[in-house]
Amino acid sequence: MRLKKKWLAMLAVVTTVLLLGACGSSSESKIIGSWKAVADDKVTGYLEIGEERLVNREESMTAEYILTETQDDNFLVEVVNPESGSNVFLFEGYFENKDKIIVVKTPDGAAENNELVRVDNIEEAKKLQEKEENELAKEREDTKAKTEESTAKENDLPNYVTKEDITKQNLDGLVEHVEFVEAVDGDTVVVKSENGKETVNLLLIDTPEPNAPDGGQEYASRATNYVTESQTGQTVLLERGQPSQDEDGNTVGFIWTNMGSGSIGMLNQLMVSLGYARVANIEANEVNAKYLDEFQEAENSAKQEKYKIWEYDGYVTDDGFNPDF
């Protein structure tokens, strides 16, 4: 049983063998290299592939492998059980590009958000992974402090108000209580209103997309995690845009959330202030762009402080985010 679990743990990374081998005239030469297995934007392991054997360094295990092409242009990877000599199915997938493989099936069934990514050096990749994990852990611990710091730097922007100030901010009749359900990504959430569940695209902001064609972008998972961890279990206020839906039928609007100490703040602008999002869709109509000046001021502050997405010059573009980072 322990042996079986160890081999299944190699599943995600082993896929690389399959897909790379399918891309060129010589499978043996294409599959050779070092690979990183990623599931739901989290690194699950590393694999070294030679001409005849693959090595799972975390488990200190090696095995012969078999690469088979299917009729639907996908590929299957099997490893040879060293004890019984039988072939064990590990993975089915397809080759998205020379450095990335999409996993579509595992021994447990259909797979989602699993991929293998080529790395030049496993040790360097591990160091980078450890650094990112430490930064994310510290980020989670310091979220409250950073939020207070950001709001102070914004000189008490009008979106940070007490509940008693809702009327003064002209929000009467514009907001409704909804239950936060989940974060789809950093700029899209699901809430539950009197009409049922609604997908809400947050107006005036854009965050990196974890499911973009080029793969999970820098800070995509961090933005999603921040919204999830800060809003789960909360009842928030939804200020609907005008019109209230986009061309896909999703709700558009602003989310006002409890900031503690009897005050509320706008999630849309908070994402900009903390450096998770850039200001976008500035061509929106006058109603939907009424907070634009405050958003742009928050963006300028985050840019100056090099928060999150502004850490690397050239990562944020006029159209979104540079996929080469």
C-alpha atoms as a PDB file:
ATOM      1  CA  MET A   1       0.000   0.000   0.000  1.00  0.00           C
ATOM      2  CA  ARG A   2       2.839   2.409   0.850  1.00  0.00           C
ATOM      3  CA  LEU A   3       4.489   1.679  -2.494  1.00  0.00           C
ATOM      4  CA  LYS A   4       1.258   2.360  -4.347  1.00  0.00           C
ATOM      5  CA  LYS A   5       0.757   5.675  -2.592  1.00  0.00           C
ATOM      6  CA  LYS A   6       4.269   6.753  -3.424  1.00  0.00           C
ATOM      7  CA  TRP A   7       3.787   5.989  -7.083  1.00  0.00           C
ATOM      8  CA  LEU A   8       0.477   7.821  -7.147  1.00  0.00           C
ATOM      9  CA  ALA A   9       2.190  10.804  -5.576  1.00  0.00           C
ATOM     10  CA  MET A  10       4.381  10.915  -8.677  1.00  0.00           C
ATOM     11  CA  LEU A  11       1.327  11.133 -10.912  1.00  0.00           C
ATOM     12  CA  ALA A  12       1.290  14.844 -11.666  1.00  0.00           C
ATOM     13  CA  VAL A  13       4.959  15.119 -12.503  1.00  0.00           C
ATOM     14  CA  VAL A  14       5.122  11.918 -14.494  1.00  0.00           C
ATOM     15  CA  THR A  15       2.732  13.409 -16.995  1.00  0.00           C
ATOM     16  CA  THR A  16       5.508  15.517 -18.328  1.00  0.00           C
ATOM     17  CA  VAL A  17       7.068  12.429 -19.780  1.00  0.00           C
ATOM     18  CA  LEU A  18       4.025  11.703 -21.837  1.00  0.00           C
ATOM     19  CA  LEU A  19       3.378  15.098 -23.299  1.00  0.00           C
ATOM     20  CA  LEU A  20       6.888  16.152 -24.069  1.00  0.00           C
ATOM     21  CA  GLY A  21       7.549  12.878 -25.809  1.00  0.00           C
ATOM     22  CA  ALA A  22       4.582  13.510 -28.095  1.00  0.00           C
ATOM     23  CA  CYS A  23       5.834  16.866 -29.247  1.00  0.00           C
ATOM     24  CA  GLY A  24       8.880  15.924 -31.220  1.00  0.00           C
ATOM     25  CA  SER A  25      10.266  13.312 -33.518  1.00  0.00           C
ATOM     26  CA  SER A  26      12.264  11.745 -30.675  1.00  0.00           C
ATOM     27  CA  SER A  27      10.293  11.021 -27.499  1.00  0.00           C
ATOM     28  CA  GLU A  28      13.432   9.932 -25.693  1.00  0.00           C
ATOM     29  CA  SER A  29      15.138  13.289 -26.226  1.00  0.00           C
ATOM     30  CA  LYS A  30      12.052  15.433 -25.552  1.00  0.00           C
ATOM     31  CA  ILE A  31      11.201  13.925 -22.197  1.00  0.00           C
ATOM     32  CA  ILE A  32      14.649  14.319 -20.727  1.00  0.00           C
ATOM     33  CA  GLY A  33      14.793  17.132 -18.205  1.00  0.00           C
ATOM     34  CA  SER A  34      13.598  18.478 -14.870  1.00  0.00           C
ATOM     35  CA  TRP A  35       9.934  19.170 -14.115  1.00  0.00           C
ATOM     36  CA  LYS A  36       7.739  20.794 -11.500  1.00  0.00           C
ATOM     37  CA  ALA A  37       4.272  19.380 -10.747  1.00  0.00           C
ATOM     38  CA  VAL A  38       1.575  21.963  -9.966  1.00  0.00           C
ATOM     39  CA  ALA A  39      -1.988  21.342  -8.731  1.00  0.00           C
ATOM     40  CA  ASP A  40      -4.380  24.216  -8.023  1.00  0.00           C
ATOM     41  CA  ASP A  41      -1.457  26.670  -8.288  1.00  0.00           C
ATOM     42  CA  LYS A  42       0.497  24.780  -5.617  1.00  0.00           C
ATOM     43  CA  VAL A  43       3.750  22.920  -6.247  1.00  0.00           C
ATOM     44  CA  THR A  44       3.357  19.238  -5.346  1.00  0.00           C
ATOM     45  CA  GLY A  45       6.760  17.840  -6.314  1.00  0.00           C
ATOM     46  CA  TYR A  46       9.669  17.601  -8.734  1.00  0.00           C
ATOM     47  CA  LEU A  47      10.691  14.960 -11.238  1.00  0.00           C
ATOM     48  CA  GLU A  48      13.845  14.182 -13.192  1.00  0.00           C
ATOM     49  CA  ILE A  49      13.400  12.236 -16.432  1.00  0.00           C
ATOM     50  CA  GLY A  50      16.170  10.314 -18.129  1.00  0.00           C
ATOM     51  CA  GLU A  51      16.278   8.245 -21.286  1.00  0.00           C
ATOM     52  CA  GLU A  52      14.761   5.164 -19.656  1.00  0.00           C
ATOM     53  CA  ARG A  53      13.883   6.013 -16.067  1.00  0.00           C
ATOM     54  CA  LEU A  54      12.209   8.744 -14.067  1.00  0.00           C
ATOM     55  CA  VAL A  55      13.190   9.846 -10.580  1.00  0.00           C
ATOM     56  CA  ASN A  56      10.942  11.216  -7.833  1.00  0.00           C
ATOM     57  CA  ARG A  57      13.461  13.053  -5.689  1.00  0.00           C
ATOM     58  CA  GLU A  58      11.110  13.666  -2.769  1.00  0.00           C
ATOM     59  CA  GLU A  59      10.483   9.918  -2.387  1.00  0.00           C
ATOM     60  CA  SER A  60      13.994   8.830  -3.493  1.00  0.00           C
ATOM     61  CA  MET A  61      12.370   6.448  -5.966  1.00  0.00           C
ATOM     62  CA  THR A  62      13.127   5.532  -9.570  1.00  0.00           C
ATOM     63  CA  ALA A  63      11.204   3.512 -12.135  1.00  0.00           C
ATOM     64  CA  GLU A  64      11.061   2.652 -15.777  1.00  0.00           C
ATOM     65  CA  TYR A  65       8.254   4.338 -17.670  1.00  0.00           C
ATOM     66  CA  ILE A  66       6.168   3.704 -20.782  1.00  0.00           C
ATOM     67  CA  LEU A  67       4.843   6.461 -23.040  1.00  0.00           C
ATOM     68  CA  THR A  68       1.793   5.746 -25.248  1.00  0.00           C
ATOM     69  CA  GLU A  69      -0.014   8.062 -27.662  1.00  0.00           C
ATOM     70  CA  THR A  70      -3.836   7.836 -27.791  1.00  0.00           C
ATOM     71  CA  GLN A  71      -6.114   8.302 -30.783  1.00  0.00           C
ATOM     72  CA  ASP A  72      -7.435  11.648 -29.512  1.00  0.00           C
ATOM     73  CA  ASP A  73      -3.931  13.193 -29.479  1.00  0.00           C
ATOM     74  CA  ASN A  74      -3.585  12.801 -25.742  1.00  0.00           C
ATOM     75  CA  PHE A  75      -0.930  10.650 -24.135  1.00  0.00           C
ATOM     76  CA  LEU A  76      -0.786   8.019 -21.432  1.00  0.00           C
ATOM     77  CA  VAL A  77       2.066   7.448 -19.011  1.00  0.00           C
ATOM     78  CA  GLU A  78       2.584   4.220 -17.126  1.00  0.00           C
ATOM     79  CA  VAL A  79       5.358   3.188 -14.770  1.00  0.00           C
ATOM     80  CA  VAL A  80       6.612  -0.321 -14.269  1.00  0.00           C
ATOM     81  CA  ASN A  81       6.039  -1.577 -10.738  1.00  0.00           C
ATOM     82  CA  PRO A  82       9.502  -2.751  -9.628  1.00  0.00           C
ATOM     83  CA  GLU A  83       8.026  -5.503  -7.461  1.00  0.00           C
ATOM     84  CA  SER A  84       5.426  -7.088  -9.749  1.00  0.00           C
ATOM     85  CA  GLY A  85       6.684  -5.905 -13.132  1.00  0.00           C
ATOM     86  CA  SER A  86       3.153  -4.793 -14.058  1.00  0.00           C
ATOM     87  CA  ASN A  87       2.324  -1.436 -15.650  1.00  0.00           C
ATOM     88  CA  VAL A  88       0.611   1.147 -13.435  1.00  0.00           C
ATOM     89  CA  PHE A  89      -1.426   3.950 -15.051  1.00  0.00           C
ATOM     90  CA  LEU A  90      -0.379   7.346 -13.785  1.00  0.00           C
ATOM     91  CA  PHE A  91      -1.692  10.014 -16.060  1.00  0.00           C
ATOM     92  CA  GLU A  92      -3.370  11.143 -19.270  1.00  0.00           C
ATOM     93  CA  GLY A  93      -2.828  14.604 -20.690  1.00  0.00           C
ATOM     94  CA  TYR A  94      -1.774  16.763 -23.599  1.00  0.00           C
ATOM     95  CA  PHE A  95       1.122  19.020 -24.413  1.00  0.00           C
ATOM     96  CA  GLU A  96       0.124  22.711 -24.324  1.00  0.00           C
ATOM     97  CA  ASN A  97       3.573  24.001 -25.248  1.00  0.00           C
ATOM     98  CA  LYS A  98       7.164  22.837 -25.007  1.00  0.00           C
ATOM     99  CA  ASP A  99       7.396  23.729 -21.332  1.00  0.00           C
ATOM    100  CA  LYS A 100       3.905  22.922 -20.068  1.00  0.00           C
ATOM    101  CA  ILE A 101       1.627  19.879 -19.887  1.00  0.00           C
ATOM    102  CA  ILE A 102      -2.051  19.808 -18.967  1.00  0.00           C
ATOM    103  CA  VAL A 103      -3.227  16.771 -16.972  1.00  0.00           C
ATOM    104  CA  VAL A 104      -6.758  15.621 -17.817  1.00  0.00           C
ATOM    105  CA  LYS A 105      -7.023  12.262 -16.058  1.00  0.00           C
ATOM    106  CA  THR A 106      -5.475  10.463 -13.088  1.00  0.00           C
ATOM    107  CA  PRO A 107      -6.184   7.085 -11.415  1.00  0.00           C
ATOM    108  CA  ASP A 108      -8.882   8.928  -9.424  1.00  0.00           C
ATOM    109  CA  GLY A 109     -10.680  10.131 -12.556  1.00  0.00           C
ATOM    110  CA  ALA A 110     -10.891  13.440 -14.399  1.00  0.00           C
ATOM    111  CA  ALA A 111      -8.350  16.047 -13.256  1.00  0.00           C
ATOM    112  CA  GLU A 112      -8.628  19.837 -13.129  1.00  0.00           C
ATOM    113  CA  ASN A 113      -5.987  22.524 -12.634  1.00  0.00           C
ATOM    114  CA  ASN A 114      -3.096  20.036 -12.777  1.00  0.00           C
ATOM    115  CA  GLU A 115      -0.029  20.702 -14.896  1.00  0.00           C
ATOM    116  CA  LEU A 116       3.696  20.072 -15.252  1.00  0.00           C
ATOM    117  CA  VAL A 117       6.137  22.882 -15.857  1.00  0.00           C
ATOM    118  CA  ARG A 118       9.713  22.534 -17.058  1.00  0.00           C
ATOM    119  CA  VAL A 119      12.415  23.972 -14.784  1.00  0.00           C
ATOM    120  CA  ASP A 120      16.068  24.581 -15.566  1.00  0.00           C
ATOM    121  CA  ASN A 121      17.317  23.583 -12.140  1.00  0.00           C
ATOM    122  CA  ILE A 122      15.321  21.764  -9.467  1.00  0.00           C
ATOM    123  CA  GLU A 123      17.346  23.110  -6.541  1.00  0.00           C
ATOM    124  CA  GLU A 124      16.909  26.693  -7.715  1.00  0.00           C
ATOM    125  CA  ALA A 125      13.201  26.067  -8.312  1.00  0.00           C
ATOM    126  CA  LYS A 126      12.847  24.724  -4.762  1.00  0.00           C
ATOM    127  CA  LYS A 127      14.559  27.783  -3.318  1.00  0.00           C
ATOM    128  CA  LEU A 128      12.220  30.060  -5.249  1.00  0.00           C
ATOM    129  CA  GLN A 129       9.202  28.009  -4.123  1.00  0.00           C
ATOM    130  CA  GLU A 130      10.292  28.204  -0.479  1.00  0.00           C
ATOM    131  CA  LYS A 131      10.783  31.955  -0.772  1.00  0.00           C
ATOM    132  CA  GLU A 132       7.310  32.437  -2.265  1.00  0.00           C
ATOM    133  CA  GLU A 133       5.679  30.247   0.399  1.00  0.00           C
ATOM    134  CA  ASN A 134       7.401  32.191   3.185  1.00  0.00           C
ATOM    135  CA  GLU A 135       6.319  35.468   1.643  1.00  0.00           C
ATOM    136  CA  LEU A 136       2.726  34.258   1.339  1.00  0.00           C
ATOM    137  CA  ALA A 137       2.687  33.055   4.964  1.00  0.00           C
ATOM    138  CA  LYS A 138       3.997  36.391   6.180  1.00  0.00           C
ATOM    139  CA  GLU A 139       1.530  38.154   3.919  1.00  0.00           C
ATOM    140  CA  ARG A 140      -1.366  36.322   5.538  1.00  0.00           C
ATOM    141  CA  GLU A 141      -0.144  37.154   9.035  1.00  0.00           C
ATOM    142  CA  ASP A 142       0.320  40.812   8.176  1.00  0.00           C
ATOM    143  CA  THR A 143      -2.890  41.320   6.186  1.00  0.00           C
ATOM    144  CA  LYS A 144      -4.617  43.300   8.898  1.00  0.00           C
ATOM    145  CA  ALA A 145      -1.593  45.526   9.555  1.00  0.00           C
ATOM    146  CA  LYS A 146      -1.040  46.159   5.845  1.00  0.00           C
ATOM    147  CA  THR A 147      -4.685  47.029   5.393  1.00  0.00           C
ATOM    148  CA  GLU A 148      -4.523  49.636   8.146  1.00  0.00           C
ATOM    149  CA  GLU A 149      -1.286  51.019   6.704  1.00  0.00           C
ATOM    150  CA  SER A 150      -2.723  51.273   3.214  1.00  0.00           C
ATOM    151  CA  THR A 151      -5.899  53.008   4.329  1.00  0.00           C
ATOM    152  CA  ALA A 152      -3.900  55.530   6.350  1.00  0.00           C
ATOM    153  CA  LYS A 153      -1.736  56.317   3.328  1.00  0.00           C
ATOM    154  CA  GLU A 154      -4.850  56.985   1.315  1.00  0.00           C
ATOM    155  CA  ASN A 155      -5.687  59.935   3.654  1.00  0.00           C
ATOM    156  CA  ASP A 156      -9.005  58.519   4.826  1.00  0.00           C
ATOM    157  CA  LEU A 157     -10.434  57.927   1.371  1.00  0.00           C
ATOM    158  CA  PRO A 158     -14.229  58.265   1.305  1.00  0.00           C
ATOM    159  CA  ASN A 159     -14.756  54.557   0.678  1.00  0.00           C
ATOM    160  CA  TYR A 160     -13.601  53.766   4.210  1.00  0.00           C
ATOM    161  CA  VAL A 161     -16.620  54.853   6.233  1.00  0.00           C
ATOM    162  CA  THR A 162     -18.505  53.884   9.353  1.00  0.00           C
ATOM    163  CA  LYS A 163     -21.931  52.305   9.084  1.00  0.00           C
ATOM    164  CA  GLU A 164     -23.430  55.570  10.321  1.00  0.00           C
ATOM    165  CA  ASP A 165     -21.834  57.356   7.383  1.00  0.00           C
ATOM    166  CA  ILE A 166     -23.570  55.264   4.710  1.00  0.00           C
ATOM    167  CA  THR A 167     -26.214  57.923   4.259  1.00  0.00           C
ATOM    168  CA  LYS A 168     -23.585  60.652   4.038  1.00  0.00           C
ATOM    169  CA  GLN A 169     -21.840  58.691   1.297  1.00  0.00           C
ATOM    170  CA  ASN A 170     -25.066  58.562  -0.725  1.00  0.00           C
ATOM    171  CA  LEU A 171     -25.326  54.781  -0.475  1.00  0.00           C
ATOM    172  CA  ASP A 172     -28.922  54.700   0.735  1.00  0.00           C
ATOM    173  CA  GLY A 173     -30.953  52.620  -1.675  1.00  0.00           C
ATOM    174  CA  LEU A 174     -27.831  51.569  -3.587  1.00  0.00           C
ATOM    175  CA  VAL A 175     -26.579  48.714  -1.417  1.00  0.00           C
ATOM    176  CA  GLU A 176     -28.095  45.422  -0.285  1.00  0.00           C
ATOM    177  CA  HIS A 177     -26.934  42.781   2.166  1.00  0.00           C
ATOM    178  CA  VAL A 178     -25.619  39.623   0.500  1.00  0.00           C
ATOM    179  CA  GLU A 179     -23.757  36.587   1.784  1.00  0.00           C
ATOM    180  CA  PHE A 180     -20.210  36.060   0.521  1.00  0.00           C
ATOM    181  CA  VAL A 181     -19.941  32.531  -0.929  1.00  0.00           C
ATOM    182  CA  GLU A 182     -16.551  32.221  -2.641  1.00  0.00           C
ATOM    183  CA  ALA A 183     -13.855  33.943  -4.682  1.00  0.00           C
ATOM    184  CA  VAL A 184     -13.586  32.824  -8.293  1.00  0.00           C
ATOM    185  CA  ASP A 185     -10.413  34.894  -8.606  1.00  0.00           C
ATOM    186  CA  GLY A 186      -9.164  38.235  -7.334  1.00  0.00           C
ATOM    187  CA  ASP A 187     -11.730  40.323  -9.187  1.00  0.00           C
ATOM    188  CA  THR A 188     -14.699  37.940  -9.367  1.00  0.00           C
ATOM    189  CA  VAL A 189     -16.747  36.651  -6.418  1.00  0.00           C
ATOM    190  CA  VAL A 190     -19.902  34.664  -5.841  1.00  0.00           C
ATOM    191  CA  VAL A 191     -22.506  36.023  -3.412  1.00  0.00           C
ATOM    192  CA  LYS A 192     -25.925  34.848  -2.315  1.00  0.00           C
ATOM    193  CA  SER A 193     -28.713  37.418  -2.501  1.00  0.00           C
ATOM    194  CA  GLU A 194     -32.490  37.156  -2.240  1.00  0.00           C
ATOM    195  CA  ASN A 195     -32.422  36.005  -5.877  1.00  0.00           C
ATOM    196  CA  GLY A 196     -29.963  33.178  -5.183  1.00  0.00           C
ATOM    197  CA  LYS A 197     -26.285  32.887  -6.052  1.00  0.00           C
ATOM    198  CA  GLU A 198     -24.806  35.578  -8.285  1.00  0.00           C
ATOM    199  CA  THR A 199     -21.374  35.868  -9.874  1.00  0.00           C
ATOM    200  CA  VAL A 200     -20.143  39.435  -9.387  1.00  0.00           C
ATOM    201  CA  ASN A 201     -17.362  41.005 -11.454  1.00  0.00           C
ATOM    202  CA  LEU A 202     -15.781  43.752  -9.362  1.00  0.00           C
ATOM    203  CA  LEU A 203     -15.941  47.041 -11.252  1.00  0.00           C
ATOM    204  CA  LEU A 204     -12.883  49.094 -12.195  1.00  0.00           C
ATOM    205  CA  ILE A 205     -10.251  46.496 -11.257  1.00  0.00           C
ATOM    206  CA  ASP A 206      -8.302  43.685 -12.899  1.00  0.00           C
ATOM    207  CA  THR A 207      -6.228  41.026 -11.137  1.00  0.00           C
ATOM    208  CA  PRO A 208      -4.016  38.295 -12.662  1.00  0.00           C
ATOM    209  CA  GLU A 209      -6.088  35.353 -13.901  1.00  0.00           C
ATOM    210  CA  PRO A 210      -5.134  31.907 -12.528  1.00  0.00           C
ATOM    211  CA  ASN A 211      -6.750  30.161 -15.518  1.00  0.00           C
ATOM    212  CA  ALA A 212      -5.341  32.375 -18.281  1.00  0.00           C
ATOM    213  CA  PRO A 213      -4.135  30.563 -21.448  1.00  0.00           C
ATOM    214  CA  ASP A 214      -0.511  31.064 -20.412  1.00  0.00           C
ATOM    215  CA  GLY A 215      -1.108  29.486 -17.017  1.00  0.00           C
ATOM    216  CA  GLY A 216      -1.348  30.882 -13.498  1.00  0.00           C
ATOM    217  CA  GLN A 217       0.041  34.403 -13.547  1.00  0.00           C
ATOM    218  CA  GLU A 218       2.172  36.016 -10.890  1.00  0.00           C
ATOM    219  CA  TYR A 219       0.080  36.858  -7.793  1.00  0.00           C
ATOM    220  CA  ALA A 220      -3.053  35.260  -9.279  1.00  0.00           C
ATOM    221  CA  SER A 221      -3.443  32.724  -6.479  1.00  0.00           C
ATOM    222  CA  ARG A 222      -2.431  35.277  -3.845  1.00  0.00           C
ATOM    223  CA  ALA A 223      -5.179  37.657  -4.902  1.00  0.00           C
ATOM    224  CA  THR A 224      -7.755  34.860  -4.855  1.00  0.00           C
ATOM    225  CA  ASN A 225      -6.555  33.601  -1.478  1.00  0.00           C
ATOM    226  CA  TYR A 226      -6.733  37.085   0.032  1.00  0.00           C
ATOM    227  CA  VAL A 227     -10.353  37.575  -1.004  1.00  0.00           C
ATOM    228  CA  THR A 228     -11.268  34.071   0.190  1.00  0.00           C
ATOM    229  CA  GLU A 229      -9.599  34.393   3.587  1.00  0.00           C
ATOM    230  CA  SER A 230     -10.757  37.944   4.301  1.00  0.00           C
ATOM    231  CA  GLN A 231     -14.380  37.550   3.185  1.00  0.00           C
ATOM    232  CA  THR A 232     -15.415  33.947   3.914  1.00  0.00           C
ATOM    233  CA  GLY A 233     -18.260  33.867   6.423  1.00  0.00           C
ATOM    234  CA  GLN A 234     -19.073  37.549   6.040  1.00  0.00           C
ATOM    235  CA  THR A 235     -22.272  39.294   5.113  1.00  0.00           C
ATOM    236  CA  VAL A 236     -21.251  42.094   2.760  1.00  0.00           C
ATOM    237  CA  LEU A 237     -22.947  44.948   0.944  1.00  0.00           C
ATOM    238  CA  LEU A 238     -23.413  44.832  -2.824  1.00  0.00           C
ATOM    239  CA  GLU A 239     -23.642  48.091  -4.757  1.00  0.00           C
ATOM    240  CA  ARG A 240     -24.815  47.091  -8.216  1.00  0.00           C
ATOM    241  CA  GLY A 241     -23.485  48.822 -11.309  1.00  0.00           C
ATOM    242  CA  GLN A 242     -25.640  50.473 -13.949  1.00  0.00           C
ATOM    243  CA  PRO A 243     -26.340  48.507 -15.998  1.00  0.00           C
ATOM    244  CA  SER A 244     -26.187  45.818 -13.355  1.00  0.00           C
ATOM    245  CA  GLN A 245     -24.969  43.008 -15.655  1.00  0.00           C
ATOM    246  CA  ASP A 246     -22.245  42.571 -18.251  1.00  0.00           C
ATOM    247  CA  GLU A 247     -22.645  41.016 -21.695  1.00  0.00           C
ATOM    248  CA  ASP A 248     -22.184  37.531 -20.204  1.00  0.00           C
ATOM    249  CA  GLY A 249     -25.075  38.004 -17.784  1.00  0.00           C
ATOM    250  CA  ASN A 250     -22.853  38.319 -14.694  1.00  0.00           C
ATOM    251  CA  THR A 251     -23.537  40.972 -12.078  1.00  0.00           C
ATOM    252  CA  VAL A 252     -21.150  43.931 -11.966  1.00  0.00           C
ATOM    253  CA  GLY A 253     -20.693  46.114  -8.942  1.00  0.00           C
ATOM    254  CA  PHE A 254     -18.812  47.159  -5.840  1.00  0.00           C
ATOM    255  CA  ILE A 255     -18.524  45.069  -2.671  1.00  0.00           C
ATOM    256  CA  TRP A 256     -18.497  46.899   0.656  1.00  0.00           C
ATOM    257  CA  THR A 257     -17.126  44.794   3.494  1.00  0.00           C
ATOM    258  CA  ASN A 258     -16.731  44.963   7.271  1.00  0.00           C
ATOM    259  CA  MET A 259     -13.305  46.343   8.155  1.00  0.00           C
ATOM    260  CA  GLY A 260     -13.789  45.982  11.904  1.00  0.00           C
ATOM    261  CA  SER A 261     -14.231  48.665  14.565  1.00  0.00           C
ATOM    262  CA  GLY A 262     -17.628  49.561  13.146  1.00  0.00           C
ATOM    263  CA  SER A 263     -16.336  50.680   9.761  1.00  0.00           C
ATOM    264  CA  ILE A 264     -16.778  49.405   6.230  1.00  0.00           C
ATOM    265  CA  GLY A 265     -14.554  49.602   3.179  1.00  0.00           C
ATOM    266  CA  MET A 266     -14.836  48.802  -0.497  1.00  0.00           C
ATOM    267  CA  LEU A 267     -13.235  45.486  -1.495  1.00  0.00           C
ATOM    268  CA  ASN A 268     -12.635  46.691  -5.063  1.00  0.00           C
ATOM    269  CA  GLN A 269     -10.461  49.587  -3.935  1.00  0.00           C
ATOM    270  CA  LEU A 270      -8.832  47.577  -1.167  1.00  0.00           C
ATOM    271  CA  MET A 271      -7.497  45.153  -3.800  1.00  0.00           C
ATOM    272  CA  VAL A 272      -5.924  48.123  -5.595  1.00  0.00           C
ATOM    273  CA  SER A 273      -4.541  49.661  -2.382  1.00  0.00           C
ATOM    274  CA  LEU A 274      -2.855  46.407  -1.374  1.00  0.00           C
ATOM    275  CA  GLY A 275      -1.315  45.902  -4.808  1.00  0.00           C
ATOM    276  CA  TYR A 276      -3.372  42.876  -5.840  1.00  0.00           C
ATOM    277  CA  ALA A 277      -5.168  44.673  -8.682  1.00  0.00           C
ATOM    278  CA  ARG A 278      -4.668  47.339 -11.314  1.00  0.00           C
ATOM    279  CA  VAL A 279      -7.291  49.930 -12.234  1.00  0.00           C
ATOM    280  CA  ALA A 280      -9.121  48.823 -15.397  1.00  0.00           C
ATOM    281  CA  ASN A 281     -12.194  49.552 -17.509  1.00  0.00           C
ATOM    282  CA  ILE A 282     -11.765  53.286 -17.037  1.00  0.00           C
ATOM    283  CA  GLU A 283     -14.012  53.805 -20.063  1.00  0.00           C
ATOM    284  CA  ALA A 284     -17.005  52.772 -17.926  1.00  0.00           C
ATOM    285  CA  ASN A 285     -20.031  55.054 -17.846  1.00  0.00           C
ATOM    286  CA  GLU A 286     -20.225  57.889 -15.339  1.00  0.00           C
ATOM    287  CA  VAL A 287     -22.146  55.870 -12.751  1.00  0.00           C
ATOM    288  CA  ASN A 288     -19.826  52.847 -12.815  1.00  0.00           C
ATOM    289  CA  ALA A 289     -16.730  55.079 -12.839  1.00  0.00           C
ATOM    290  CA  LYS A 290     -17.767  57.335  -9.969  1.00  0.00           C
ATOM    291  CA  TYR A 291     -14.967  56.033  -7.718  1.00  0.00           C
ATOM    292  CA  LEU A 292     -12.328  56.175 -10.462  1.00  0.00           C
ATOM    293  CA  ASP A 293     -10.358  59.088  -8.989  1.00  0.00           C
ATOM    294  CA  GLU A 294      -9.992  57.319  -5.639  1.00  0.00           C
ATOM    295  CA  PHE A 295      -9.010  54.075  -7.371  1.00  0.00           C
ATOM    296  CA  GLN A 296      -6.312  55.790  -9.416  1.00  0.00           C
ATOM    297  CA  GLU A 297      -4.948  57.510  -6.317  1.00  0.00           C
ATOM    298  CA  ALA A 298      -4.808  54.134  -4.553  1.00  0.00           C
ATOM    299  CA  GLU A 299      -3.048  52.609  -7.573  1.00  0.00           C
ATOM    300  CA  ASN A 300      -0.428  55.360  -7.631  1.00  0.00           C
ATOM    301  CA  SER A 301       0.301  54.752  -3.953  1.00  0.00           C
ATOM    302  CA  ALA A 302       0.628  50.976  -4.423  1.00  0.00           C
ATOM    303  CA  LYS A 303       2.853  51.531  -7.459  1.00  0.00           C
ATOM    304  CA  GLN A 304       5.162  53.848  -5.520  1.00  0.00           C
ATOM    305  CA  GLU A 305       5.445  51.320  -2.692  1.00  0.00           C
ATOM    306  CA  LYS A 306       5.977  48.473  -5.216  1.00  0.00           C
ATOM    307  CA  TYR A 307       3.255  46.384  -3.594  1.00  0.00           C
ATOM    308  CA  LYS A 308       2.537  42.947  -5.102  1.00  0.00           C
ATOM    309  CA  ILE A 309       1.919  43.295  -8.838  1.00  0.00           C
ATOM    310  CA  TRP A 310       4.086  46.440  -8.955  1.00  0.00           C
ATOM    311  CA  GLU A 311       7.151  44.623  -7.632  1.00  0.00           C
ATOM    312  CA  TYR A 312       8.476  43.902 -11.125  1.00  0.00           C
ATOM    313  CA  ASP A 313       8.810  46.651 -13.732  1.00  0.00           C
ATOM    314  CA  GLY A 314       6.956  45.725 -16.896  1.00  0.00           C
ATOM    315  CA  TYR A 315       4.709  43.091 -15.305  1.00  0.00           C
ATOM    316  CA  VAL A 316       1.602  45.316 -15.366  1.00  0.00           C
ATOM    317  CA  THR A 317       0.658  46.503 -18.852  1.00  0.00           C
ATOM    318  CA  ASP A 318      -2.089  48.709 -20.282  1.00  0.00           C
ATOM    319  CA  ASP A 319      -3.966  45.579 -21.330  1.00  0.00           C
ATOM    320  CA  GLY A 320      -3.374  43.439 -18.257  1.00  0.00           C
ATOM    321  CA  PHE A 321      -0.296  41.491 -17.174  1.00  0.00           C
ATOM    322  CA  ASN A 322       2.826  40.384 -19.013  1.00  0.00           C
ATOM    323  CA  PRO A 323       2.627  36.572 -19.481  1.00  0.00           C
ATOM    324  CA  ASP A 324       6.426  36.309 -19.751  1.00  0.00           C
ATOM    325  CA  PHE A 325       6.867  36.926 -16.002  1.00  0.00           C
END
